[in-house]
Amino acid sequence: MDIVILLKAAVMGVVEGLTEFLPISSTGHLILAGTLLDFHDERGKLFEIVIQSAAILAVVWEFRERIASMFSGLGRDPKAARLLINVGIAFLPIALLGLLVGKVLKAHLFNAPTVATTFILGAFVILWAERRQHHVRVESVDDMTWLDALKVGFAQCFALIPGTSRSGATIIGGMLFGLSRKVATEFTFFLAIPTLALASAYSLWKDRALLSVDDLGMWTVGMVTSFISAFFCVRWLLRYISTHSFVPFAWYRIAFGLIVLVTWWTGTVNWSA
C-alpha cells in the first residue's frame, strides 16, 4: 500500500485517539484533519469509524477489571446492576435523537465554519461552568441515580453537533448536575463504550459496500495508533482531573476555532470539503 496513505492513516489515528475523550471534539478534529490531508471521501469517512472503534477498545482495556466485575456481579451486587442500568439509560437519548435527526445534521452542519463556531461556543460554556460554584452531590459512580444518568444522557445529545465534543458535553453536564469532576469523567468513559460501539457498528453495516481487503493495512495502522494514543490519553486525563480544571481546554478551543475561521474567511486553507 502507498506509504503516503499509511502516514495519513497514522496521523488520523493519533488525532482520533488524542481527541476522543478530551473536551475538544474528536469529530471536529477529524473533519478538519481529513480536509487538510485530503482524506475526506466516503472511504475516509468509513476509516474514521474504524479507528473510532480502536479508541473504544482502549477504554475497555483501561476499565477491564471494573467492567468484568460489573457483569460478574449482576444478580448479586446491586451496585453492578445500577451502573449498567444507568449507562443504558444515559445512552437512550442520543440513540433516539441520532436516529431522528442524525442525517439532517450531517448534511448541514459537518463543515469547517460550523465546527469552528461550536469550538468557540463550547469553550465559553466550559469557562462559564468552571467559574460556577459546584454543589457536589455524587462522589462515586456507584451512587448515581437513574435521574442523574438521564440528565447526563440529555447533555450527551449536544455532541450530535460537530465540534461540540461528546466527552465535553457529558463531563461538563455531569458537573452542572451535581456530579464530582471525577465521577462525571469516569461515567463519560463508561457511557462512551455503548455510544461509540453501537454508532460504529451501525455505520459499518450501513457502509459495508465500501469495505475492502485492500484497505486492511490502512485500517491496521489507524487502529493501532488510535488505540495507543487513546490509552495514554485516558490514563493522563484521569490523573489530570484530580488537580486541574478544564479551563486550558477552553482556551485551546477558542484559539483553534479562531484559526480555522480566519483561514476559512481569508481563503488561506480550502475548507470547502
Foldseek 3Di string as FASTA:
>chain_A
DDVLLLVLLLVLLLLQLQAQQAQFFSLLVSLVSCQVSVQPPPLSVLLNLLQNVLLLVLLCVVCVVVLVCLVVCVPPDPLSVQLVVLLVLLQPVQVVVCVVCLVVLCVPQSFLLNLLVLLQVLLVLQVVLVPDDFAADAAALSPDHSVLSNQLSVQLNVVSRGNRHSNSSQQSSSRNVRHDSLNSSNSSSVSCNCNSVVVSVVVCVVVVVSDDPVCVSSSVSSSVSNNVSNNVSSVVVSVQSVPDGSNVSSVVSNVVSVVSVVCPVVVVRPRVD
